[in-house]
Amino acid sequence: MKCVIIDDEPLAVELIKEFVSKVESLELIRTFNNAIDAITVINNSNIDLIFLDIEMPHFSGIDFLNAIDKKPIVIFTTAYSNYAVEGFDLGAVDYLVKPIPFHRFLKSVMRAQQLFNSQNLTSTVLTPKVAAPEIEPDFMFVRSEYENVKINFSDILFIEGLKDYVKIYTTDNKFTLTLISLIKLENLLSTKGFARIHRSYIINIKYVKSIQKNKVLLADKRIPISESYKNSFFERINL
């Protein structure tokens, strides 16, 4: 696969260049320290894969993807995990959080190679070339204290809103405190089996054991159902 690297951090570029040199299936065509300079090259060259940073001055990686005509396979490389969902929504094959270990880089390249091979196979048999499938993530990263914590959606019992913060309770009887709005989480999780049942609570429906008047029982927790959310919740679970 012919690839380019777009990143404003010289050290990050050098690290990815080193990783690329270790993978026989990759051919590095060029590196860019800003996304604007890369637009013309991508639109006028047969580039198969882009290693793309998101947070860059003046013109972000997301701006870049929206600006180019050709859409190569994209692997995001960034220091910020909070863009993960948006990155996958844009059709990225993977999302690498810096500092990137080589084994994780290699796993991403293998995903890209599988997609690249499937596209070429489809083209060979003279059928229309299919677009890269959108990968629906089953996890999210949230900032908690001094680290980015990965939380699988399937491990979440419920989420409690506390003014500017939320507590994310998981099946291992732990919780993660993070600075994020409950509305943002509601929008993210509403299609993944979660329901807002109170101005302060979002629950994972699959862990509901019973419903008792204006409360739901999850594990050993009783979560209130407010009148303003009751009808939509009951319609959701066909009650």
Protein backbone atom coordinates (compact mmCIF):
# COMPACT_ATOMS: atom_id res chain seq x y z
CA MET A 1 0.00 0.00 0.00
CA LYS A 2 1.26 3.46 -0.90
CA CYS A 3 0.98 5.63 2.18
CA VAL A 4 1.57 9.17 3.43
CA ILE A 5 1.97 10.59 6.92
CA ILE A 6 0.30 13.87 7.90
CA ASP A 7 1.32 15.13 11.34
CA ASP A 8 2.61 18.45 12.69
CA GLU A 9 4.79 16.77 15.33
CA PRO A 10 8.27 15.87 13.92
CA LEU A 11 8.86 13.17 16.54
CA ALA A 12 5.54 11.52 15.72
CA VAL A 13 6.39 11.59 12.01
CA GLU A 14 9.78 9.98 12.64
CA LEU A 15 8.25 7.24 14.78
CA ILE A 16 5.61 6.35 12.19
CA LYS A 17 8.25 6.44 9.42
CA GLU A 18 10.29 3.94 11.43
CA PHE A 19 7.24 1.72 11.90
CA VAL A 20 6.37 1.91 8.19
CA SER A 21 9.91 0.86 7.25
CA LYS A 22 9.43 -2.36 9.21
CA VAL A 23 6.31 -3.41 7.27
CA GLU A 24 6.99 -4.83 3.80
CA SER A 25 3.49 -4.18 2.53
CA LEU A 26 3.84 -0.41 3.06
CA GLU A 27 5.55 2.08 0.74
CA LEU A 28 5.98 5.56 2.18
CA ILE A 29 5.44 8.17 -0.55
CA ARG A 30 5.73 11.38 1.41
CA THR A 31 5.29 13.07 4.79
CA PHE A 32 3.53 16.37 5.54
CA ASN A 33 3.70 18.61 8.60
CA ASN A 34 0.33 20.18 7.78
CA ALA A 35 -2.85 18.96 6.15
CA ILE A 36 -3.29 21.83 3.68
CA ASP A 37 -0.15 20.92 1.72
CA ALA A 38 -1.37 17.33 1.43
CA ILE A 39 -4.70 18.05 -0.28
CA THR A 40 -3.38 18.45 -3.84
CA VAL A 41 -1.10 15.42 -3.54
CA ILE A 42 -3.91 13.18 -2.30
CA ASN A 43 -6.34 14.37 -4.97
CA ASN A 44 -3.81 13.83 -7.78
CA SER A 45 -2.02 10.66 -6.66
CA ASN A 46 -2.93 7.04 -6.09
CA ILE A 47 -2.46 6.98 -2.34
CA ASP A 48 -3.90 3.93 -0.60
CA LEU A 49 -3.41 4.77 3.08
CA ILE A 50 -3.04 7.91 5.21
CA PHE A 51 -1.68 8.08 8.75
CA LEU A 52 -3.49 11.24 9.81
CA ASP A 53 -3.19 13.39 12.92
CA ILE A 54 -6.38 15.20 14.02
CA GLU A 55 -5.23 18.14 16.17
CA MET A 56 -3.17 20.33 13.82
CA PRO A 57 -2.96 24.14 13.69
CA HIS A 58 -5.34 26.01 11.37
CA PHE A 59 -6.59 22.92 9.52
CA SER A 60 -7.43 19.74 11.39
CA GLY A 61 -7.35 16.18 10.14
CA ILE A 62 -11.15 16.15 10.10
CA ASP A 63 -11.17 19.34 7.98
CA PHE A 64 -8.73 17.63 5.65
CA LEU A 65 -10.92 14.56 5.17
CA ASN A 66 -13.90 16.76 4.36
CA ALA A 67 -11.81 18.71 1.82
CA ILE A 68 -10.31 15.91 -0.29
CA ASP A 69 -12.03 14.36 -3.31
CA LYS A 70 -10.37 10.96 -3.11
CA LYS A 71 -10.90 8.97 0.07
CA PRO A 72 -7.98 6.63 0.81
CA ILE A 73 -8.00 4.32 3.81
CA VAL A 74 -7.37 6.37 6.94
CA ILE A 75 -5.74 5.52 10.26
CA PHE A 76 -5.98 8.37 12.75
CA THR A 77 -2.89 9.00 14.92
CA THR A 78 -3.55 11.46 17.72
CA ALA A 79 -2.83 12.30 21.32
CA TYR A 80 -6.51 12.92 22.03
CA SER A 81 -8.90 10.02 22.57
CA ASN A 82 -12.02 12.19 22.67
CA TYR A 83 -12.19 12.22 18.87
CA ALA A 84 -12.47 8.44 18.60
CA VAL A 85 -16.18 8.24 17.86
CA GLU A 86 -16.06 11.09 15.34
CA GLY A 87 -13.07 9.42 13.71
CA PHE A 88 -14.92 6.16 13.23
CA ASP A 89 -17.97 8.04 12.00
CA LEU A 90 -15.77 9.43 9.21
CA GLY A 91 -14.94 5.88 8.11
CA ALA A 92 -11.45 5.58 9.60
CA VAL A 93 -10.24 1.99 9.70
CA ASP A 94 -8.61 2.53 13.10
CA TYR A 95 -7.73 5.13 15.73
CA LEU A 96 -4.30 5.12 17.37
CA VAL A 97 -3.66 7.12 20.53
CA LYS A 98 -0.10 8.42 21.04
CA PRO A 99 2.33 7.25 22.19
CA ILE A 100 1.76 4.43 19.71
CA PRO A 101 3.31 1.00 20.43
CA PHE A 102 4.48 -0.93 17.39
CA HIS A 103 2.21 -3.94 18.01
CA ARG A 104 -0.82 -1.65 17.98
CA PHE A 105 0.42 0.08 14.81
CA LEU A 106 0.87 -3.31 13.15
CA LYS A 107 -2.67 -4.37 14.08
CA SER A 108 -4.05 -1.22 12.43
CA VAL A 109 -2.02 -1.83 9.28
CA MET A 110 -3.36 -5.39 9.09
CA ARG A 111 -6.92 -4.03 9.25
CA ALA A 112 -6.11 -1.56 6.51
CA GLN A 113 -4.49 -4.32 4.42
CA GLN A 114 -7.58 -6.52 4.70
CA LEU A 115 -9.78 -3.65 3.54
CA PHE A 116 -7.35 -2.78 0.74
CA ASN A 117 -7.27 -6.40 -0.45
CA SER A 118 -11.06 -6.68 -0.42
CA GLN A 119 -11.40 -3.48 -2.47
CA ASN A 120 -8.89 -4.69 -5.04
CA LEU A 121 -10.56 -8.09 -5.27
CA THR A 122 -13.91 -6.44 -5.93
CA SER A 123 -12.33 -4.25 -8.62
CA THR A 124 -10.64 -7.24 -10.25
CA VAL A 125 -13.92 -9.05 -10.89
CA LEU A 126 -15.28 -5.90 -12.59
CA THR A 127 -17.88 -5.01 -10.02
CA PRO A 128 -18.26 -1.53 -8.59
CA LYS A 129 -15.66 -0.65 -5.97
CA VAL A 130 -17.30 -0.61 -2.58
CA ALA A 131 -16.76 2.19 -0.11
CA ALA A 132 -14.84 1.49 3.07
CA PRO A 133 -17.32 0.13 5.61
CA GLU A 134 -17.98 2.30 8.59
CA ILE A 135 -16.72 0.66 11.76
CA GLU A 136 -19.11 1.05 14.65
CA PRO A 137 -17.03 1.29 17.84
CA ASP A 138 -18.18 -0.68 20.89
CA PHE A 139 -16.19 1.43 23.34
CA MET A 140 -15.27 4.99 24.21
CA PHE A 141 -12.36 6.79 25.83
CA VAL A 142 -13.01 9.29 28.63
CA ARG A 143 -10.62 11.55 30.48
CA SER A 144 -10.38 10.68 34.18
CA GLU A 145 -7.84 12.43 36.37
CA TYR A 146 -4.58 12.18 34.40
CA GLU A 147 -5.32 9.41 31.93
CA ASN A 148 -7.64 8.42 29.11
CA VAL A 149 -9.72 5.43 30.23
CA LYS A 150 -11.23 2.98 27.76
CA ILE A 151 -14.75 1.88 28.69
CA ASN A 152 -16.59 -0.84 26.78
CA PHE A 153 -20.26 -0.01 26.26
CA SER A 154 -21.20 -3.55 27.28
CA ASP A 155 -19.56 -3.03 30.69
CA ILE A 156 -21.60 0.06 31.60
CA LEU A 157 -24.44 -0.46 34.10
CA PHE A 158 -25.62 3.13 34.32
CA ILE A 159 -24.41 6.71 34.21
CA GLU A 160 -25.18 9.35 36.81
CA GLY A 161 -25.00 13.07 36.05
CA LEU A 162 -23.41 15.37 38.66
CA LYS A 163 -23.57 18.94 37.34
CA ASP A 164 -20.51 19.24 35.06
CA TYR A 165 -19.30 15.70 35.75
CA VAL A 166 -20.72 12.22 35.28
CA LYS A 167 -20.11 8.94 37.10
CA ILE A 168 -19.95 5.91 34.80
CA TYR A 169 -20.73 2.77 36.82
CA THR A 170 -19.52 -0.54 35.38
CA THR A 171 -20.23 -4.21 35.99
CA ASP A 172 -17.06 -4.64 38.08
CA ASN A 173 -18.61 -2.46 40.83
CA LYS A 174 -16.36 0.47 39.98
CA PHE A 175 -17.07 3.91 38.61
CA THR A 176 -15.20 6.44 36.50
CA LEU A 177 -15.62 10.17 37.11
CA THR A 178 -15.21 12.30 34.00
CA LEU A 179 -15.93 15.81 32.75
CA ILE A 180 -18.55 15.36 30.02
CA SER A 181 -22.20 16.27 29.57
CA LEU A 182 -24.98 13.73 30.09
CA ILE A 183 -26.63 14.94 26.87
CA LYS A 184 -23.52 14.12 24.86
CA LEU A 185 -23.44 10.61 26.32
CA GLU A 186 -27.17 10.21 25.69
CA ASN A 187 -26.66 11.04 22.00
CA LEU A 188 -23.73 8.64 21.78
CA LEU A 189 -25.41 5.71 23.56
CA SER A 190 -29.05 5.96 22.52
CA THR A 191 -28.56 3.55 19.60
CA LYS A 192 -26.49 1.12 21.66
CA GLY A 193 -29.12 -0.21 24.06
CA PHE A 194 -29.11 2.67 26.55
CA ALA A 195 -32.01 4.84 27.70
CA ARG A 196 -32.34 8.13 29.55
CA ILE A 197 -34.83 7.57 32.39
CA HIS A 198 -34.17 10.64 34.53
CA ARG A 199 -32.51 14.02 34.15
CA SER A 200 -29.59 12.53 36.11
CA TYR A 201 -29.49 8.92 34.85
CA ILE A 202 -28.83 6.88 31.71
CA ILE A 203 -29.12 3.11 32.04
CA ASN A 204 -28.02 0.07 30.06
CA ILE A 205 -31.34 -1.65 29.28
CA LYS A 206 -29.87 -5.14 29.08
CA TYR A 207 -28.96 -5.05 32.79
CA VAL A 208 -32.46 -4.14 33.99
CA LYS A 209 -33.68 -6.90 36.32
CA SER A 210 -37.09 -5.47 37.09
CA ILE A 211 -39.20 -2.32 37.02
CA GLN A 212 -40.92 -1.30 40.25
CA LYS A 213 -43.35 1.60 39.81
CA ASN A 214 -41.03 4.54 39.30
CA LYS A 215 -37.75 2.69 39.68
CA VAL A 216 -35.64 0.20 37.76
CA LEU A 217 -33.43 -2.40 39.40
CA LEU A 218 -29.95 -2.89 37.93
CA ALA A 219 -27.73 -5.29 39.83
CA ASP A 220 -28.40 -4.09 43.40
CA LYS A 221 -29.05 -0.47 42.40
CA ARG A 222 -32.49 1.14 42.25
CA ILE A 223 -32.57 3.99 39.76
CA PRO A 224 -35.52 6.44 39.69
CA ILE A 225 -37.64 6.95 36.58
CA SER A 226 -38.87 10.52 36.26
CA GLU A 227 -42.30 11.36 34.83
CA SER A 228 -40.78 13.30 31.94
CA TYR A 229 -38.88 10.24 30.70
CA LYS A 230 -41.31 7.49 31.69
CA ASN A 231 -43.40 7.35 28.51
CA SER A 232 -40.45 7.27 26.12
CA PHE A 233 -38.70 4.64 28.24
CA PHE A 234 -41.76 2.39 28.44
CA GLU A 235 -42.30 2.71 24.69
CA ARG A 236 -38.67 1.74 24.18
CA ILE A 237 -39.11 -1.49 26.13
CA ASN A 238 -42.68 -2.13 24.88
CA LEU A 239 -44.50 -1.66 28.18
